[in-house]
Structures are given as C-alpha cells and as structure tokens.
Amino acid sequence: VGVVAMALPGRPQPWPVHLMRRGASLAAAAAASIYALG
C-alpha cells in the first residue's frame, strides 16, 4: 500500500528514494513470509 501510495498526488519528495525504501520493506516482508512458511 505504501508503494502504491507513491503514485498518488502529494507524495513525499524526493519520491524515488521513498519508493525504493518502501519497495525494500515490501521485498523484505515478502521474503520473511515465504521463508517462515517453509
């Protein structure tokens, strides 16, 4: 949801950095979810 929010108006600047940070947290949480399941 945080990554998608970067497409909306009023996003924080500089938005590419925020997008990369939010994408990093998304990837980390998804990796943790898959690993925990296994």
PDB file of all heavy atoms in Angstrom:
ATOM      1  N   VAL A   1       0.846  -1.198   0.000  1.00  0.00           N
ATOM      2  CA  VAL A   1       0.000   0.000   0.000  1.00  0.00           C
ATOM      3  C   VAL A   1       0.880   1.247   0.000  1.00  0.00           C
ATOM      4  O   VAL A   1       0.594   2.223  -0.693  1.00  0.00           O
ATOM      5  CB  VAL A   1      -0.973  -0.013   1.204  1.00  0.00           C
ATOM      6  CG1 VAL A   1      -1.658   1.327   1.384  1.00  0.00           C
ATOM      7  CG2 VAL A   1      -2.003  -1.111   1.028  1.00  0.00           C
ATOM      8  N   GLY A   2       1.975   1.211   0.747  1.00  0.00           N
ATOM      9  CA  GLY A   2       2.913   2.328   0.756  1.00  0.00           C
ATOM     10  C   GLY A   2       3.557   2.558  -0.596  1.00  0.00           C
ATOM     11  O   GLY A   2       3.775   3.697  -1.013  1.00  0.00           O
ATOM     12  N   VAL A   3       3.866   1.487  -1.302  1.00  0.00           N
ATOM     13  CA  VAL A   3       4.444   1.607  -2.647  1.00  0.00           C
ATOM     14  C   VAL A   3       3.424   2.201  -3.609  1.00  0.00           C
ATOM     15  O   VAL A   3       3.739   3.102  -4.391  1.00  0.00           O
ATOM     16  CB  VAL A   3       4.950   0.234  -3.149  1.00  0.00           C
ATOM     17  CG1 VAL A   3       5.297   0.274  -4.616  1.00  0.00           C
ATOM     18  CG2 VAL A   3       6.154  -0.214  -2.336  1.00  0.00           C
ATOM     19  N   VAL A   4       2.186   1.721  -3.536  1.00  0.00           N
ATOM     20  CA  VAL A   4       1.136   2.239  -4.416  1.00  0.00           C
ATOM     21  C   VAL A   4       0.837   3.704  -4.102  1.00  0.00           C
ATOM     22  O   VAL A   4       0.539   4.502  -4.995  1.00  0.00           O
ATOM     23  CB  VAL A   4      -0.137   1.365  -4.304  1.00  0.00           C
ATOM     24  CG1 VAL A   4      -1.308   1.997  -5.027  1.00  0.00           C
ATOM     25  CG2 VAL A   4       0.135  -0.029  -4.861  1.00  0.00           C
ATOM     26  N   ALA A   5       0.962   4.084  -2.835  1.00  0.00           N
ATOM     27  CA  ALA A   5       0.691   5.470  -2.442  1.00  0.00           C
ATOM     28  C   ALA A   5       1.655   6.448  -3.100  1.00  0.00           C
ATOM     29  O   ALA A   5       1.343   7.639  -3.214  1.00  0.00           O
ATOM     30  CB  ALA A   5       0.757   5.606  -0.923  1.00  0.00           C
ATOM     31  N   MET A   6       2.789   5.964  -3.551  1.00  0.00           N
ATOM     32  CA  MET A   6       3.747   6.843  -4.220  1.00  0.00           C
ATOM     33  C   MET A   6       3.225   7.334  -5.565  1.00  0.00           C
ATOM     34  O   MET A   6       3.733   8.302  -6.112  1.00  0.00           O
ATOM     35  CB  MET A   6       5.089   6.130  -4.406  1.00  0.00           C
ATOM     36  CG  MET A   6       5.782   5.788  -3.105  1.00  0.00           C
ATOM     37  SD  MET A   6       6.028   7.186  -2.015  1.00  0.00           S
ATOM     38  CE  MET A   6       7.119   8.183  -2.968  1.00  0.00           C
ATOM     39  N   ALA A   7       2.208   6.695  -6.113  1.00  0.00           N
ATOM     40  CA  ALA A   7       1.632   7.120  -7.390  1.00  0.00           C
ATOM     41  C   ALA A   7       0.575   8.206  -7.203  1.00  0.00           C
ATOM     42  O   ALA A   7       0.155   8.833  -8.169  1.00  0.00           O
ATOM     43  CB  ALA A   7       1.016   5.925  -8.114  1.00  0.00           C
ATOM     44  N   LEU A   8       0.174   8.445  -5.978  1.00  0.00           N
ATOM     45  CA  LEU A   8      -0.880   9.419  -5.702  1.00  0.00           C
ATOM     46  C   LEU A   8      -0.299  10.822  -5.555  1.00  0.00           C
ATOM     47  O   LEU A   8       0.872  10.989  -5.210  1.00  0.00           O
ATOM     48  CB  LEU A   8      -1.628   9.022  -4.430  1.00  0.00           C
ATOM     49  CG  LEU A   8      -2.283   7.638  -4.456  1.00  0.00           C
ATOM     50  CD1 LEU A   8      -2.863   7.322  -3.092  1.00  0.00           C
ATOM     51  CD2 LEU A   8      -3.339   7.560  -5.534  1.00  0.00           C
ATOM     52  N   PRO A   9      -1.121  11.843  -5.796  1.00  0.00           N
ATOM     53  CA  PRO A   9      -0.626  13.208  -5.588  1.00  0.00           C
ATOM     54  C   PRO A   9      -0.314  13.455  -4.113  1.00  0.00           C
ATOM     55  O   PRO A   9      -0.889  12.843  -3.228  1.00  0.00           O
ATOM     56  CB  PRO A   9      -1.797  14.094  -6.033  1.00  0.00           C
ATOM     57  CG  PRO A   9      -2.831  13.200  -6.608  1.00  0.00           C
ATOM     58  CD  PRO A   9      -2.467  11.788  -6.301  1.00  0.00           C
ATOM     59  N   GLY A  10       0.631  14.361  -3.871  1.00  0.00           N
ATOM     60  CA  GLY A  10       1.018  14.678  -2.511  1.00  0.00           C
ATOM     61  C   GLY A  10       2.069  13.747  -1.957  1.00  0.00           C
ATOM     62  O   GLY A  10       2.287  13.701  -0.750  1.00  0.00           O
ATOM     63  N   ARG A  11       2.724  13.003  -2.820  1.00  0.00           N
ATOM     64  CA  ARG A  11       3.755  12.068  -2.359  1.00  0.00           C
ATOM     65  C   ARG A  11       4.965  12.843  -1.834  1.00  0.00           C
ATOM     66  O   ARG A  11       5.242  13.962  -2.264  1.00  0.00           O
ATOM     67  CB  ARG A  11       4.156  11.124  -3.473  1.00  0.00           C
ATOM     68  CG  ARG A  11       4.744  11.805  -4.670  1.00  0.00           C
ATOM     69  CD  ARG A  11       5.068  10.772  -5.752  1.00  0.00           C
ATOM     70  NE  ARG A  11       5.446  11.460  -6.967  1.00  0.00           N
ATOM     71  CZ  ARG A  11       4.724  11.474  -8.072  1.00  0.00           C
ATOM     72  NH1 ARG A  11       3.584  10.817  -8.117  1.00  0.00           N
ATOM     73  NH2 ARG A  11       5.133  12.110  -9.128  1.00  0.00           N
ATOM     74  N   PRO A  12       5.714  12.243  -0.891  1.00  0.00           N
ATOM     75  CA  PRO A  12       6.872  12.937  -0.329  1.00  0.00           C
ATOM     76  C   PRO A  12       7.989  13.086  -1.367  1.00  0.00           C
ATOM     77  O   PRO A  12       8.104  12.274  -2.283  1.00  0.00           O
ATOM     78  CB  PRO A  12       7.306  12.042   0.827  1.00  0.00           C
ATOM     79  CG  PRO A  12       6.715  10.718   0.544  1.00  0.00           C
ATOM     80  CD  PRO A  12       5.501  10.945  -0.292  1.00  0.00           C
ATOM     81  N   GLN A  13       8.768  14.113  -1.197  1.00  0.00           N
ATOM     82  CA  GLN A  13       9.891  14.357  -2.103  1.00  0.00           C
ATOM     83  C   GLN A  13      11.190  14.080  -1.355  1.00  0.00           C
ATOM     84  O   GLN A  13      11.265  14.331  -0.168  1.00  0.00           O
ATOM     85  CB  GLN A  13       9.856  15.799  -2.613  1.00  0.00           C
ATOM     86  CG  GLN A  13       8.667  16.113  -3.492  1.00  0.00           C
ATOM     87  CD  GLN A  13       8.638  15.305  -4.773  1.00  0.00           C
ATOM     88  OE1 GLN A  13       9.672  14.991  -5.348  1.00  0.00           O
ATOM     89  NE2 GLN A  13       7.444  14.941  -5.220  1.00  0.00           N
ATOM     90  N   PRO A  14      12.189  13.587  -1.934  1.00  0.00           N
ATOM     91  CA  PRO A  14      12.306  13.067  -3.293  1.00  0.00           C
ATOM     92  C   PRO A  14      11.629  11.702  -3.379  1.00  0.00           C
ATOM     93  O   PRO A  14      11.981  10.773  -2.661  1.00  0.00           O
ATOM     94  CB  PRO A  14      13.811  12.968  -3.509  1.00  0.00           C
ATOM     95  CG  PRO A  14      14.380  12.753  -2.147  1.00  0.00           C
ATOM     96  CD  PRO A  14      13.460  13.487  -1.200  1.00  0.00           C
ATOM     97  N   TRP A  15      10.667  11.573  -4.237  1.00  0.00           N
ATOM     98  CA  TRP A  15       9.848  10.374  -4.279  1.00  0.00           C
ATOM     99  C   TRP A  15      10.585   9.123  -4.725  1.00  0.00           C
ATOM    100  O   TRP A  15      10.259   8.032  -4.257  1.00  0.00           O
ATOM    101  CB  TRP A  15       8.578  10.593  -5.095  1.00  0.00           C
ATOM    102  CG  TRP A  15       8.780  10.784  -6.557  1.00  0.00           C
ATOM    103  CD1 TRP A  15       8.957  11.952  -7.221  1.00  0.00           C
ATOM    104  CD2 TRP A  15       8.825   9.754  -7.541  1.00  0.00           C
ATOM    105  NE1 TRP A  15       9.116  11.727  -8.551  1.00  0.00           N
ATOM    106  CE2 TRP A  15       9.040  10.375  -8.786  1.00  0.00           C
ATOM    107  CE3 TRP A  15       8.716   8.370  -7.505  1.00  0.00           C
ATOM    108  CZ2 TRP A  15       9.151   9.669  -9.973  1.00  0.00           C
ATOM    109  CZ3 TRP A  15       8.823   7.659  -8.685  1.00  0.00           C
ATOM    110  CH2 TRP A  15       9.031   8.321  -9.896  1.00  0.00           C
ATOM    111  N   PRO A  16      11.607   9.168  -5.606  1.00  0.00           N
ATOM    112  CA  PRO A  16      12.278   7.903  -5.951  1.00  0.00           C
ATOM    113  C   PRO A  16      12.942   7.231  -4.742  1.00  0.00           C
ATOM    114  O   PRO A  16      12.920   6.011  -4.614  1.00  0.00           O
ATOM    115  CB  PRO A  16      13.321   8.311  -6.985  1.00  0.00           C
ATOM    116  CG  PRO A  16      12.792   9.572  -7.586  1.00  0.00           C
ATOM    117  CD  PRO A  16      12.102  10.267  -6.461  1.00  0.00           C
ATOM    118  N   VAL A  17      13.505   8.034  -3.846  1.00  0.00           N
ATOM    119  CA  VAL A  17      14.150   7.466  -2.663  1.00  0.00           C
ATOM    120  C   VAL A  17      13.108   6.807  -1.762  1.00  0.00           C
ATOM    121  O   VAL A  17      13.300   5.697  -1.272  1.00  0.00           O
ATOM    122  CB  VAL A  17      14.936   8.559  -1.896  1.00  0.00           C
ATOM    123  CG1 VAL A  17      15.472   8.017  -0.582  1.00  0.00           C
ATOM    124  CG2 VAL A  17      16.056   9.096  -2.755  1.00  0.00           C
ATOM    125  N   HIS A  18      11.990   7.480  -1.560  1.00  0.00           N
ATOM    126  CA  HIS A  18      10.924   6.910  -0.728  1.00  0.00           C
ATOM    127  C   HIS A  18      10.354   5.648  -1.372  1.00  0.00           C
ATOM    128  O   HIS A  18      10.045   4.673  -0.674  1.00  0.00           O
ATOM    129  CB  HIS A  18       9.811   7.940  -0.513  1.00  0.00           C
ATOM    130  CG  HIS A  18      10.212   9.064   0.375  1.00  0.00           C
ATOM    131  ND1 HIS A  18      10.338   8.921   1.742  1.00  0.00           N
ATOM    132  CD2 HIS A  18      10.540  10.350   0.105  1.00  0.00           C
ATOM    133  CE1 HIS A  18      10.720  10.057   2.268  1.00  0.00           C
ATOM    134  NE2 HIS A  18      10.852  10.953   1.297  1.00  0.00           N
ATOM    135  N   LEU A  19      10.217   5.668  -2.687  1.00  0.00           N
ATOM    136  CA  LEU A  19       9.711   4.492  -3.393  1.00  0.00           C
ATOM    137  C   LEU A  19      10.660   3.308  -3.216  1.00  0.00           C
ATOM    138  O   LEU A  19      10.220   2.185  -2.962  1.00  0.00           O
ATOM    139  CB  LEU A  19       9.507   4.807  -4.877  1.00  0.00           C
ATOM    140  CG  LEU A  19       8.979   3.668  -5.735  1.00  0.00           C
ATOM    141  CD1 LEU A  19       7.589   3.248  -5.279  1.00  0.00           C
ATOM    142  CD2 LEU A  19       8.958   4.077  -7.203  1.00  0.00           C
ATOM    143  N   MET A  20      11.955   3.569  -3.315  1.00  0.00           N
ATOM    144  CA  MET A  20      12.928   2.483  -3.156  1.00  0.00           C
ATOM    145  C   MET A  20      12.921   1.944  -1.719  1.00  0.00           C
ATOM    146  O   MET A  20      13.014   0.730  -1.521  1.00  0.00           O
ATOM    147  CB  MET A  20      14.317   2.970  -3.542  1.00  0.00           C
ATOM    148  CG  MET A  20      14.451   3.247  -5.039  1.00  0.00           C
ATOM    149  SD  MET A  20      16.034   3.934  -5.481  1.00  0.00           S
ATOM    150  CE  MET A  20      17.026   2.466  -5.490  1.00  0.00           C
ATOM    151  N   ARG A  21      12.797   2.825  -0.745  1.00  0.00           N
ATOM    152  CA  ARG A  21      12.747   2.367   0.652  1.00  0.00           C
ATOM    153  C   ARG A  21      11.499   1.535   0.909  1.00  0.00           C
ATOM    154  O   ARG A  21      11.544   0.510   1.584  1.00  0.00           O
ATOM    155  CB  ARG A  21      12.785   3.561   1.596  1.00  0.00           C
ATOM    156  CG  ARG A  21      14.136   4.207   1.681  1.00  0.00           C
ATOM    157  CD  ARG A  21      14.132   5.362   2.641  1.00  0.00           C
ATOM    158  NE  ARG A  21      15.427   6.005   2.634  1.00  0.00           N
ATOM    159  CZ  ARG A  21      15.620   7.264   2.946  1.00  0.00           C
ATOM    160  NH1 ARG A  21      14.589   8.022   3.312  1.00  0.00           N
ATOM    161  NH2 ARG A  21      16.815   7.784   2.927  1.00  0.00           N
ATOM    162  N   ARG A  22      10.381   1.997   0.388  1.00  0.00           N
ATOM    163  CA  ARG A  22       9.140   1.233   0.579  1.00  0.00           C
ATOM    164  C   ARG A  22       9.176  -0.086  -0.186  1.00  0.00           C
ATOM    165  O   ARG A  22       8.669  -1.100   0.291  1.00  0.00           O
ATOM    166  CB  ARG A  22       7.948   2.082   0.160  1.00  0.00           C
ATOM    167  CG  ARG A  22       7.722   3.236   1.106  1.00  0.00           C
ATOM    168  CD  ARG A  22       6.620   4.134   0.678  1.00  0.00           C
ATOM    169  NE  ARG A  22       6.499   5.258   1.605  1.00  0.00           N
ATOM    170  CZ  ARG A  22       5.531   6.134   1.558  1.00  0.00           C
ATOM    171  NH1 ARG A  22       4.581   6.047   0.636  1.00  0.00           N
ATOM    172  NH2 ARG A  22       5.491   7.125   2.422  1.00  0.00           N
ATOM    173  N   GLY A  23       9.765  -0.070  -1.350  1.00  0.00           N
ATOM    174  CA  GLY A  23       9.926  -1.319  -2.107  1.00  0.00           C
ATOM    175  C   GLY A  23      10.836  -2.296  -1.383  1.00  0.00           C
ATOM    176  O   GLY A  23      10.603  -3.514  -1.393  1.00  0.00           O
ATOM    177  N   ALA A  24      11.869  -1.774  -0.730  1.00  0.00           N
ATOM    178  CA  ALA A  24      12.780  -2.630   0.040  1.00  0.00           C
ATOM    179  C   ALA A  24      12.052  -3.280   1.208  1.00  0.00           C
ATOM    180  O   ALA A  24      12.225  -4.478   1.480  1.00  0.00           O
ATOM    181  CB  ALA A  24      13.970  -1.813   0.544  1.00  0.00           C
ATOM    182  N   SER A  25      11.201  -2.505   1.886  1.00  0.00           N
ATOM    183  CA  SER A  25      10.459  -3.091   3.008  1.00  0.00           C
ATOM    184  C   SER A  25       9.429  -4.115   2.515  1.00  0.00           C
ATOM    185  O   SER A  25       9.198  -5.129   3.161  1.00  0.00           O
ATOM    186  CB  SER A  25       9.795  -2.009   3.857  1.00  0.00           C
ATOM    187  OG  SER A  25       8.852  -1.295   3.105  1.00  0.00           O
ATOM    188  N   LEU A  26       8.842  -3.856   1.350  1.00  0.00           N
ATOM    189  CA  LEU A  26       7.906  -4.822   0.759  1.00  0.00           C
ATOM    190  C   LEU A  26       8.619  -6.132   0.433  1.00  0.00           C
ATOM    191  O   LEU A  26       8.137  -7.216   0.773  1.00  0.00           O
ATOM    192  CB  LEU A  26       7.265  -4.232  -0.500  1.00  0.00           C
ATOM    193  CG  LEU A  26       6.440  -5.181  -1.365  1.00  0.00           C
ATOM    194  CD1 LEU A  26       5.242  -5.697  -0.597  1.00  0.00           C
ATOM    195  CD2 LEU A  26       5.994  -4.479  -2.633  1.00  0.00           C
ATOM    196  N   ALA A  27       9.773  -6.044  -0.207  1.00  0.00           N
ATOM    197  CA  ALA A  27      10.520  -7.251  -0.571  1.00  0.00           C
ATOM    198  C   ALA A  27      10.973  -8.009   0.677  1.00  0.00           C
ATOM    199  O   ALA A  27      10.908  -9.248   0.717  1.00  0.00           O
ATOM    200  CB  ALA A  27      11.718  -6.886  -1.442  1.00  0.00           C
ATOM    201  N   ALA A  28      11.416  -7.293   1.693  1.00  0.00           N
ATOM    202  CA  ALA A  28      11.870  -7.951   2.924  1.00  0.00           C
ATOM    203  C   ALA A  28      10.721  -8.663   3.632  1.00  0.00           C
ATOM    204  O   ALA A  28      10.873  -9.805   4.097  1.00  0.00           O
ATOM    205  CB  ALA A  28      12.508  -6.922   3.857  1.00  0.00           C
ATOM    206  N   ALA A  29       9.570  -8.020   3.702  1.00  0.00           N
ATOM    207  CA  ALA A  29       8.421  -8.655   4.367  1.00  0.00           C
ATOM    208  C   ALA A  29       7.929  -9.868   3.578  1.00  0.00           C
ATOM    209  O   ALA A  29       7.567 -10.889   4.169  1.00  0.00           O
ATOM    210  CB  ALA A  29       7.288  -7.642   4.535  1.00  0.00           C
ATOM    211  N   ALA A  30       7.938  -9.777   2.255  1.00  0.00           N
ATOM    212  CA  ALA A  30       7.519 -10.917   1.436  1.00  0.00           C
ATOM    213  C   ALA A  30       8.501 -12.074   1.576  1.00  0.00           C
ATOM    214  O   ALA A  30       8.091 -13.239   1.677  1.00  0.00           O
ATOM    215  CB  ALA A  30       7.383 -10.496  -0.025  1.00  0.00           C
ATOM    216  N   ALA A  31       9.800 -11.769   1.605  1.00  0.00           N
ATOM    217  CA  ALA A  31      10.808 -12.825   1.794  1.00  0.00           C
ATOM    218  C   ALA A  31      10.646 -13.492   3.153  1.00  0.00           C
ATOM    219  O   ALA A  31      10.719 -14.720   3.262  1.00  0.00           O
ATOM    220  CB  ALA A  31      12.215 -12.243   1.652  1.00  0.00           C
ATOM    221  N   ALA A  32      10.402 -12.700   4.179  1.00  0.00           N
ATOM    222  CA  ALA A  32      10.206 -13.259   5.520  1.00  0.00           C
ATOM    223  C   ALA A  32       8.963 -14.135   5.581  1.00  0.00           C
ATOM    224  O   ALA A  32       8.966 -15.189   6.222  1.00  0.00           O
ATOM    225  CB  ALA A  32      10.107 -12.133   6.550  1.00  0.00           C
ATOM    226  N   SER A  33       7.907 -13.734   4.897  1.00  0.00           N
ATOM    227  CA  SER A  33       6.673 -14.516   4.886  1.00  0.00           C
ATOM    228  C   SER A  33       6.881 -15.875   4.223  1.00  0.00           C
ATOM    229  O   SER A  33       6.472 -16.911   4.750  1.00  0.00           O
ATOM    230  CB  SER A  33       5.574 -13.740   4.164  1.00  0.00           C
ATOM    231  OG  SER A  33       4.395 -14.491   4.100  1.00  0.00           O
ATOM    232  N   ILE A  34       7.535 -15.870   3.079  1.00  0.00           N
ATOM    233  CA  ILE A  34       7.775 -17.133   2.363  1.00  0.00           C
ATOM    234  C   ILE A  34       8.716 -18.035   3.154  1.00  0.00           C
ATOM    235  O   ILE A  34       8.490 -19.241   3.284  1.00  0.00           O
ATOM    236  CB  ILE A  34       8.328 -16.854   0.956  1.00  0.00           C
ATOM    237  CG1 ILE A  34       7.224 -16.224   0.091  1.00  0.00           C
ATOM    238  CG2 ILE A  34       8.850 -18.120   0.303  1.00  0.00           C
ATOM    239  CD1 ILE A  34       7.692 -15.723  -1.241  1.00  0.00           C
ATOM    240  N   TYR A  35       9.779 -17.458   3.706  1.00  0.00           N
ATOM    241  CA  TYR A  35      10.724 -18.267   4.473  1.00  0.00           C
ATOM    242  C   TYR A  35      10.067 -18.838   5.726  1.00  0.00           C
ATOM    243  O   TYR A  35      10.290 -19.999   6.069  1.00  0.00           O
ATOM    244  CB  TYR A  35      11.966 -17.445   4.846  1.00  0.00           C
ATOM    245  CG  TYR A  35      12.985 -18.289   5.550  1.00  0.00           C
ATOM    246  CD1 TYR A  35      13.808 -19.151   4.828  1.00  0.00           C
ATOM    247  CD2 TYR A  35      13.102 -18.275   6.925  1.00  0.00           C
ATOM    248  CE1 TYR A  35      14.722 -19.961   5.470  1.00  0.00           C
ATOM    249  CE2 TYR A  35      14.008 -19.075   7.577  1.00  0.00           C
ATOM    250  CZ  TYR A  35      14.822 -19.920   6.848  1.00  0.00           C
ATOM    251  OH  TYR A  35      15.718 -20.733   7.490  1.00  0.00           O
ATOM    252  N   ALA A  36       9.263 -18.036   6.415  1.00  0.00           N
ATOM    253  CA  ALA A  36       8.586 -18.526   7.623  1.00  0.00           C
ATOM    254  C   ALA A  36       7.651 -19.680   7.298  1.00  0.00           C
ATOM    255  O   ALA A  36       7.571 -20.659   8.043  1.00  0.00           O
ATOM    256  CB  ALA A  36       7.821 -17.395   8.300  1.00  0.00           C
ATOM    257  N   LEU A  37       6.953 -19.584   6.184  1.00  0.00           N
ATOM    258  CA  LEU A  37       6.054 -20.661   5.764  1.00  0.00           C
ATOM    259  C   LEU A  37       6.834 -21.961   5.543  1.00  0.00           C
ATOM    260  O   LEU A  37       6.453 -23.025   6.036  1.00  0.00           O
ATOM    261  CB  LEU A  37       5.310 -20.250   4.495  1.00  0.00           C
ATOM    262  CG  LEU A  37       4.178 -21.132   4.035  1.00  0.00           C
ATOM    263  CD1 LEU A  37       3.062 -21.145   5.064  1.00  0.00           C
ATOM    264  CD2 LEU A  37       3.645 -20.635   2.701  1.00  0.00           C
ATOM    265  N   GLY A  38       7.957 -21.876   4.839  1.00  0.00           N
ATOM    266  CA  GLY A  38       8.784 -23.058   4.603  1.00  0.00           C
ATOM    267  C   GLY A  38       9.457 -23.571   5.856  1.00  0.00           C
ATOM    268  O   GLY A  38       9.559 -24.783   6.071  1.00  0.00           O
TER     269      GLY A  38
END
